[in-house]
C-alpha atoms as a PDB file:
ATOM      1  CA  MET A   1     -78.100 -28.276 -20.470  1.00  0.00           C
ATOM      2  CA  THR A   2     -75.773 -27.819 -17.501  1.00  0.00           C
ATOM      3  CA  THR A   3     -72.355 -27.787 -19.127  1.00  0.00           C
ATOM      4  CA  PRO A   4     -70.401 -24.843 -17.663  1.00  0.00           C
ATOM      5  CA  ALA A   5     -70.612 -21.954 -20.085  1.00  0.00           C
ATOM      6  CA  LEU A   6     -66.899 -21.235 -20.044  1.00  0.00           C
ATOM      7  CA  SER A   7     -63.648 -22.449 -18.586  1.00  0.00           C
ATOM      8  CA  VAL A   8     -62.372 -20.575 -15.563  1.00  0.00           C
ATOM      9  CA  ALA A   9     -59.320 -19.827 -17.722  1.00  0.00           C
ATOM     10  CA  ALA A  10     -61.432 -17.139 -19.419  1.00  0.00           C
ATOM     11  CA  LEU A  11     -61.931 -15.389 -16.067  1.00  0.00           C
ATOM     12  CA  PRO A  12     -58.372 -14.785 -14.800  1.00  0.00           C
ATOM     13  CA  TRP A  13     -59.445 -13.700 -11.317  1.00  0.00           C
ATOM     14  CA  LEU A  14     -60.643 -17.282 -10.744  1.00  0.00           C
ATOM     15  CA  THR A  15     -57.275 -18.829 -11.568  1.00  0.00           C
ATOM     16  CA  GLU A  16     -55.785 -18.833  -8.080  1.00  0.00           C
ATOM     17  CA  ILE A  17     -58.887 -20.355  -6.475  1.00  0.00           C
ATOM     18  CA  TRP A  18     -59.229 -22.925  -9.251  1.00  0.00           C
ATOM     19  CA  THR A  19     -55.589 -23.950  -8.986  1.00  0.00           C
ATOM     20  CA  GLY A  20     -55.898 -24.360  -5.235  1.00  0.00           C
ATOM     21  CA  LEU A  21     -58.980 -26.530  -5.624  1.00  0.00           C
ATOM     22  CA  GLN A  22     -57.281 -28.694  -8.235  1.00  0.00           C
ATOM     23  CA  THR A  23     -54.203 -29.032  -6.036  1.00  0.00           C
ATOM     24  CA  ALA A  24     -56.450 -30.294  -3.248  1.00  0.00           C
ATOM     25  CA  ARG A  25     -58.307 -32.607  -5.630  1.00  0.00           C
ATOM     26  CA  ALA A  26     -55.087 -34.153  -6.901  1.00  0.00           C
ATOM     27  CA  ALA A  27     -53.923 -34.734  -3.322  1.00  0.00           C
ATOM     28  CA  ASP A  28     -57.351 -36.061  -2.306  1.00  0.00           C
ATOM     29  CA  ARG A  29     -57.611 -33.299   0.286  1.00  0.00           C
ATOM     30  CA  LEU A  30     -60.754 -31.477  -0.789  1.00  0.00           C
ATOM     31  CA  ALA A  31     -62.863 -30.412   2.169  1.00  0.00           C
ATOM     32  CA  HIS A  32     -66.249 -32.023   2.733  1.00  0.00           C
ATOM     33  CA  GLY A  33     -67.837 -28.572   2.529  1.00  0.00           C
ATOM     34  CA  LEU A  34     -66.876 -25.623   0.317  1.00  0.00           C
ATOM     35  CA  LEU A  35     -68.197 -22.137   1.018  1.00  0.00           C
ATOM     36  CA  ILE A  36     -68.102 -20.184  -2.260  1.00  0.00           C
ATOM     37  CA  SER A  37     -69.147 -16.622  -1.528  1.00  0.00           C
ATOM     38  CA  GLY A  38     -68.531 -13.226  -3.046  1.00  0.00           C
ATOM     39  CA  PRO A  39     -70.202 -10.261  -4.743  1.00  0.00           C
ATOM     40  CA  GLN A  40     -72.486 -10.676  -7.715  1.00  0.00           C
ATOM     41  CA  GLY A  41     -70.768 -11.076 -11.063  1.00  0.00           C
ATOM     42  CA  VAL A  42     -67.419 -12.556 -10.002  1.00  0.00           C
ATOM     43  CA  GLY A  43     -68.115 -16.058 -11.333  1.00  0.00           C
ATOM     44  CA  LYS A  44     -69.026 -18.027  -8.196  1.00  0.00           C
ATOM     45  CA  ARG A  45     -71.511 -20.253  -9.987  1.00  0.00           C
ATOM     46  CA  LEU A  46     -69.199 -20.818 -12.922  1.00  0.00           C
ATOM     47  CA  LEU A  47     -66.517 -21.936 -10.481  1.00  0.00           C
ATOM     48  CA  ALA A  48     -68.894 -24.296  -8.662  1.00  0.00           C
ATOM     49  CA  GLU A  49     -70.247 -25.789 -11.893  1.00  0.00           C
ATOM     50  CA  GLN A  50     -66.792 -26.260 -13.378  1.00  0.00           C
ATOM     51  CA  LEU A  51     -65.556 -27.868 -10.167  1.00  0.00           C
ATOM     52  CA  ALA A  52     -68.496 -30.274 -10.098  1.00  0.00           C
ATOM     53  CA  HIS A  53     -67.819 -31.316 -13.694  1.00  0.00           C
ATOM     54  CA  SER A  54     -64.113 -31.652 -12.974  1.00  0.00           C
ATOM     55  CA  LEU A  55     -64.786 -33.944 -10.017  1.00  0.00           C
ATOM     56  CA  LEU A  56     -67.304 -36.103 -11.871  1.00  0.00           C
ATOM     57  CA  CYS A  57     -65.445 -36.497 -15.169  1.00  0.00           C
ATOM     58  CA  PRO A  58     -63.028 -39.469 -14.936  1.00  0.00           C
ATOM     59  CA  HIS A  59     -60.914 -38.170 -17.833  1.00  0.00           C
ATOM     60  CA  CYS A  60     -60.362 -34.494 -17.021  1.00  0.00           C
ATOM     61  CA  ASP A  61     -56.928 -33.145 -17.949  1.00  0.00           C
ATOM     62  CA  HIS A  62     -54.121 -32.122 -15.588  1.00  0.00           C
ATOM     63  CA  ASP A  63     -55.712 -28.671 -15.226  1.00  0.00           C
ATOM     64  CA  GLY A  64     -59.007 -30.215 -14.154  1.00  0.00           C
ATOM     65  CA  VAL A  65     -60.863 -29.450 -17.393  1.00  0.00           C
ATOM     66  CA  PRO A  66     -63.488 -32.148 -18.193  1.00  0.00           C
ATOM     67  CA  CYS A  67     -63.043 -34.127 -21.404  1.00  0.00           C
ATOM     68  CA  GLY A  68     -66.588 -33.386 -22.586  1.00  0.00           C
ATOM     69  CA  THR A  69     -66.920 -36.723 -24.387  1.00  0.00           C
ATOM     70  CA  CYS A  70     -67.218 -39.465 -21.771  1.00  0.00           C
ATOM     71  CA  ALA A  71     -70.474 -40.943 -20.456  1.00  0.00           C
ATOM     72  CA  ASP A  72     -70.281 -38.838 -17.286  1.00  0.00           C
ATOM     73  CA  CYS A  73     -69.832 -35.624 -19.280  1.00  0.00           C
ATOM     74  CA  HIS A  74     -72.852 -36.515 -21.434  1.00  0.00           C
ATOM     75  CA  LEU A  75     -74.927 -37.098 -18.306  1.00  0.00           C
ATOM     76  CA  LEU A  76     -73.766 -33.755 -16.924  1.00  0.00           C
ATOM     77  CA  ALA A  77     -74.633 -31.992 -20.177  1.00  0.00           C
ATOM     78  CA  ALA A  78     -78.094 -33.539 -20.092  1.00  0.00           C
ATOM     79  CA  GLY A  79     -78.577 -32.581 -16.458  1.00  0.00           C
ATOM     80  CA  THR A  80     -79.123 -36.208 -15.440  1.00  0.00           C
ATOM     81  CA  HIS A  81     -75.914 -37.208 -13.677  1.00  0.00           C
ATOM     82  CA  PRO A  82     -76.951 -39.130 -10.550  1.00  0.00           C
ATOM     83  CA  ASP A  83     -74.030 -37.793  -8.524  1.00  0.00           C
ATOM     84  CA  LEU A  84     -74.766 -34.086  -9.044  1.00  0.00           C
ATOM     85  CA  THR A  85     -77.577 -32.711  -6.909  1.00  0.00           C
ATOM     86  CA  ARG A  86     -78.866 -29.141  -6.752  1.00  0.00           C
ATOM     87  CA  LEU A  87     -80.714 -27.688  -3.778  1.00  0.00           C
ATOM     88  CA  GLY A  88     -82.441 -24.318  -3.937  1.00  0.00           C
ATOM     89  CA  PRO A  89     -85.620 -22.481  -3.006  1.00  0.00           C
ATOM     90  CA  ASP A  90     -88.928 -24.090  -3.925  1.00  0.00           C
ATOM     91  CA  PRO A  91     -90.027 -22.226  -7.086  1.00  0.00           C
ATOM     92  CA  GLU A  92     -93.668 -22.618  -6.017  1.00  0.00           C
ATOM     93  CA  ALA A  93     -93.128 -21.166  -2.532  1.00  0.00           C
ATOM     94  CA  LYS A  94     -93.681 -17.461  -1.884  1.00  0.00           C
ATOM     95  CA  SER A  95     -90.909 -17.175   0.688  1.00  0.00           C
ATOM     96  CA  ASN A  96     -88.076 -17.816  -1.801  1.00  0.00           C
ATOM     97  CA  LEU A  97     -86.267 -19.662   0.990  1.00  0.00           C
ATOM     98  CA  ILE A  98     -84.616 -23.068   1.203  1.00  0.00           C
ATOM     99  CA  THR A  99     -86.625 -24.772   3.919  1.00  0.00           C
ATOM    100  CA  ILE A 100     -85.854 -27.603   6.297  1.00  0.00           C
ATOM    101  CA  ASP A 101     -88.187 -29.845   4.280  1.00  0.00           C
ATOM    102  CA  THR A 102     -85.844 -29.519   1.309  1.00  0.00           C
ATOM    103  CA  ILE A 103     -82.815 -30.428   3.410  1.00  0.00           C
ATOM    104  CA  ARG A 104     -84.605 -33.310   5.106  1.00  0.00           C
ATOM    105  CA  ALA A 105     -85.822 -34.683   1.782  1.00  0.00           C
ATOM    106  CA  PHE A 106     -82.239 -34.702   0.586  1.00  0.00           C
ATOM    107  CA  THR A 107     -80.582 -36.154   3.684  1.00  0.00           C
ATOM    108  CA  GLU A 108     -83.303 -38.703   4.439  1.00  0.00           C
ATOM    109  CA  HIS A 109     -84.387 -39.890   1.022  1.00  0.00           C
ATOM    110  CA  GLU A 110     -81.312 -39.434  -1.164  1.00  0.00           C
ATOM    111  CA  SER A 111     -78.153 -41.382  -0.529  1.00  0.00           C
ATOM    112  CA  LEU A 112     -75.135 -39.253   0.375  1.00  0.00           C
ATOM    113  CA  THR A 113     -72.820 -41.784  -1.243  1.00  0.00           C
ATOM    114  CA  PRO A 114     -71.995 -41.643  -4.965  1.00  0.00           C
ATOM    115  CA  SER A 115     -73.599 -44.092  -7.353  1.00  0.00           C
ATOM    116  CA  ARG A 116     -71.132 -44.064 -10.274  1.00  0.00           C
ATOM    117  CA  ALA A 117     -68.476 -41.376  -9.724  1.00  0.00           C
ATOM    118  CA  PRO A 118     -65.801 -41.267  -7.002  1.00  0.00           C
ATOM    119  CA  ARG A 119     -67.673 -38.384  -5.334  1.00  0.00           C
ATOM    120  CA  LYS A 120     -71.155 -36.993  -4.992  1.00  0.00           C
ATOM    121  CA  ILE A 121     -71.481 -33.214  -5.445  1.00  0.00           C
ATOM    122  CA  VAL A 122     -74.268 -31.107  -3.955  1.00  0.00           C
ATOM    123  CA  LEU A 123     -74.662 -27.483  -5.085  1.00  0.00           C
ATOM    124  CA  ILE A 124     -76.675 -25.395  -2.599  1.00  0.00           C
ATOM    125  CA  ASP A 125     -77.580 -22.110  -4.238  1.00  0.00           C
ATOM    126  CA  PRO A 126     -78.183 -19.554  -2.912  1.00  0.00           C
ATOM    127  CA  ALA A 127     -76.994 -20.621   0.529  1.00  0.00           C
ATOM    128  CA  ASP A 128     -78.055 -17.195   1.810  1.00  0.00           C
ATOM    129  CA  ARG A 129     -81.654 -18.358   1.376  1.00  0.00           C
ATOM    130  CA  LEU A 130     -81.440 -21.216   3.871  1.00  0.00           C
ATOM    131  CA  ASN A 131     -83.823 -20.495   6.720  1.00  0.00           C
ATOM    132  CA  THR A 132     -82.620 -21.064  10.279  1.00  0.00           C
ATOM    133  CA  ALA A 133     -83.999 -24.586  10.631  1.00  0.00           C
ATOM    134  CA  ALA A 134     -82.618 -25.639   7.240  1.00  0.00           C
ATOM    135  CA  ALA A 135     -79.203 -24.136   8.036  1.00  0.00           C
ATOM    136  CA  ASN A 136     -79.060 -26.014  11.342  1.00  0.00           C
ATOM    137  CA  ALA A 137     -79.988 -29.299   9.654  1.00  0.00           C
ATOM    138  CA  LEU A 138     -77.354 -28.746   6.984  1.00  0.00           C
ATOM    139  CA  LEU A 139     -74.753 -27.821   9.582  1.00  0.00           C
ATOM    140  CA  LYS A 140     -75.253 -31.225  11.184  1.00  0.00           C
ATOM    141  CA  THR A 141     -74.537 -32.860   7.819  1.00  0.00           C
ATOM    142  CA  LEU A 142     -71.393 -30.736   7.421  1.00  0.00           C
ATOM    143  CA  GLU A 143     -70.169 -31.683  10.877  1.00  0.00           C
ATOM    144  CA  GLU A 144     -70.817 -35.381  10.254  1.00  0.00           C
ATOM    145  CA  PRO A 145     -69.395 -36.054   6.760  1.00  0.00           C
ATOM    146  CA  ALA A 146     -71.015 -38.928   4.901  1.00  0.00           C
ATOM    147  CA  GLY A 147     -69.020 -40.997   2.455  1.00  0.00           C
ATOM    148  CA  ARG A 148     -67.514 -39.063  -0.442  1.00  0.00           C
ATOM    149  CA  THR A 149     -70.031 -36.221  -0.610  1.00  0.00           C
ATOM    150  CA  ILE A 150     -68.903 -32.626  -1.186  1.00  0.00           C
ATOM    151  CA  LEU A 151     -71.338 -29.841  -0.315  1.00  0.00           C
ATOM    152  CA  CYS A 152     -70.804 -26.555  -2.175  1.00  0.00           C
ATOM    153  CA  LEU A 153     -72.592 -23.593  -0.603  1.00  0.00           C
ATOM    154  CA  ILE A 154     -72.871 -20.639  -2.973  1.00  0.00           C
ATOM    155  CA  GLY A 155     -73.974 -17.181  -1.908  1.00  0.00           C
ATOM    156  CA  GLU A 156     -73.573 -13.433  -2.232  1.00  0.00           C
ATOM    157  CA  GLN A 157     -74.018 -12.449   1.402  1.00  0.00           C
ATOM    158  CA  SER A 158     -70.735 -13.908   2.575  1.00  0.00           C
ATOM    159  CA  GLY A 159     -71.170 -12.689   6.135  1.00  0.00           C
ATOM    160  CA  ASN A 160     -74.362 -14.677   6.609  1.00  0.00           C
ATOM    161  CA  CYS A 161     -72.827 -17.804   5.083  1.00  0.00           C
ATOM    162  CA  ARG A 162     -69.670 -17.582   7.170  1.00  0.00           C
ATOM    163  CA  ARG A 163     -71.547 -17.055  10.417  1.00  0.00           C
ATOM    164  CA  ARG A 164     -73.638 -20.131   9.736  1.00  0.00           C
ATOM    165  CA  PHE A 165     -71.160 -22.572   8.276  1.00  0.00           C
ATOM    166  CA  ALA A 166     -67.559 -21.448   8.768  1.00  0.00           C
ATOM    167  CA  VAL A 167     -67.591 -23.029  12.208  1.00  0.00           C
ATOM    168  CA  ALA A 168     -67.836 -26.468  10.616  1.00  0.00           C
ATOM    169  CA  ALA A 169     -64.386 -28.021  10.803  1.00  0.00           C
ATOM    170  CA  SER A 170     -64.798 -29.666   7.402  1.00  0.00           C
ATOM    171  CA  THR A 171     -65.678 -26.451   5.547  1.00  0.00           C
ATOM    172  CA  SER A 172     -63.126 -24.516   3.470  1.00  0.00           C
ATOM    173  CA  LYS A 173     -63.777 -21.001   2.220  1.00  0.00           C
ATOM    174  CA  CYS A 174     -63.216 -19.830  -1.358  1.00  0.00           C
ATOM    175  CA  ARG A 175     -62.599 -16.103  -1.018  1.00  0.00           C
ATOM    176  CA  PHE A 176     -62.943 -13.887  -4.033  1.00  0.00           C
ATOM    177  CA  PRO A 177     -61.051 -10.620  -4.552  1.00  0.00           C
ATOM    178  CA  PRO A 178     -62.849  -7.267  -4.819  1.00  0.00           C
ATOM    179  CA  LYS A 179     -65.533  -7.119  -7.463  1.00  0.00           C
ATOM    180  CA  PRO A 180     -64.159  -6.616 -10.989  1.00  0.00           C
ATOM    181  CA  SER A 181     -65.065  -3.568 -13.017  1.00  0.00           C
ATOM    182  CA  ARG A 182     -68.619  -3.338 -14.316  1.00  0.00           C
ATOM    183  CA  ARG A 183     -67.475  -4.293 -17.771  1.00  0.00           C
ATOM    184  CA  VAL A 184     -65.629  -7.383 -16.541  1.00  0.00           C
ATOM    185  CA  ALA A 185     -68.517  -8.377 -14.290  1.00  0.00           C
ATOM    186  CA  ALA A 186     -70.929  -8.037 -17.200  1.00  0.00           C
ATOM    187  CA  GLN A 187     -68.693 -10.265 -19.321  1.00  0.00           C
ATOM    188  CA  SER A 188     -68.658 -12.856 -16.535  1.00  0.00           C
ATOM    189  CA  HIS A 189     -72.443 -12.759 -16.202  1.00  0.00           C
ATOM    190  CA  HIS A 190     -72.900 -13.117 -19.962  1.00  0.00           C
ATOM    191  CA  ALA A 191     -70.405 -15.995 -20.096  1.00  0.00           C
ATOM    192  CA  THR A 192     -72.172 -18.002 -17.431  1.00  0.00           C
ATOM    193  CA  ARG A 193     -75.437 -17.773 -19.365  1.00  0.00           C
ATOM    194  CA  SER A 194     -74.150 -18.608 -22.824  1.00  0.00           C
ATOM    195  CA  ASN A 195     -74.025 -22.002 -24.502  1.00  0.00           C
ATOM    196  CA  LEU A 196     -70.329 -22.021 -25.349  1.00  0.00           C
ATOM    197  CA  ALA A 197     -68.470 -25.307 -25.013  1.00  0.00           C
ATOM    198  CA  VAL A 198     -66.072 -25.736 -22.114  1.00  0.00           C
ATOM    199  CA  ALA A 199     -62.790 -24.101 -23.078  1.00  0.00           C
ATOM    200  CA  ALA A 200     -59.645 -26.137 -22.488  1.00  0.00           C
ATOM    201  CA  GLY A 201     -56.712 -25.161 -20.372  1.00  0.00           C
ATOM    202  CA  ALA A 202     -56.924 -23.566 -16.939  1.00  0.00           C
ATOM    203  CA  ARG A 203     -53.666 -21.721 -16.257  1.00  0.00           C
ATOM    204  CA  ARG A 204     -51.206 -23.698 -14.103  1.00  0.00           C
ATOM    205  CA  THR A 205     -49.784 -22.036 -10.999  1.00  0.00           C
ATOM    206  CA  ALA A 206     -48.581 -23.237  -7.606  1.00  0.00           C
ATOM    207  CA  ALA A 207     -51.108 -22.761  -4.814  1.00  0.00           C
ATOM    208  CA  SER A 208     -51.740 -23.832  -1.232  1.00  0.00           C
ATOM    209  CA  ILE A 209     -55.074 -25.265  -0.129  1.00  0.00           C
ATOM    210  CA  ASP A 210     -54.652 -24.355   3.542  1.00  0.00           C
ATOM    211  CA  ARG A 211     -56.870 -21.338   2.838  1.00  0.00           C
ATOM    212  CA  ILE A 212     -58.135 -20.927  -0.710  1.00  0.00           C
ATOM    213  CA  GLN A 213     -58.090 -17.218  -1.435  1.00  0.00           C
ATOM    214  CA  ARG A 214     -58.179 -14.862  -4.373  1.00  0.00           C
END
């Protein structure tokens, strides 16, 4: 089941980033590539998952929270939505890296255009694990946007990710604030692994999407 464990409203340090992303979504100005990087425990994966569900649910509310009842939400919950793709290291490989074969298989054999939703979302996690050849192949995709695809690169080692992908004109960076306290980080980690239903109501604030920061 891939329903986000919790709404970003439960993690207040995500509010500013979330609001900026939703402002961009409403204005149809989301970047083709999103670099979501920060220390462990701040909720990067929760943010990416919630954003993917928000973009693929046709009935999300004004705060971007998915309805949880439509056909798209059921497909997302079952992990079978055709417009949500996940790329990561090969679990059978010893290197624990994302190789160029994985990127090529995606770009060559899987359409980069959505099949039922307005957008296609690709979650690349952890982006730090892209080897050099894979990163170069992905960079070409970022520099040559295809259709309505949004690539979300998620990683802890922000320096490595920025050096590789921040040069792409179509990539925006989601910057997280300093790591929360150990207790807060532990709560975030537990939340992202639980089976709670998506909570309604992300807090509304005004934000600019020029540079999404926390």
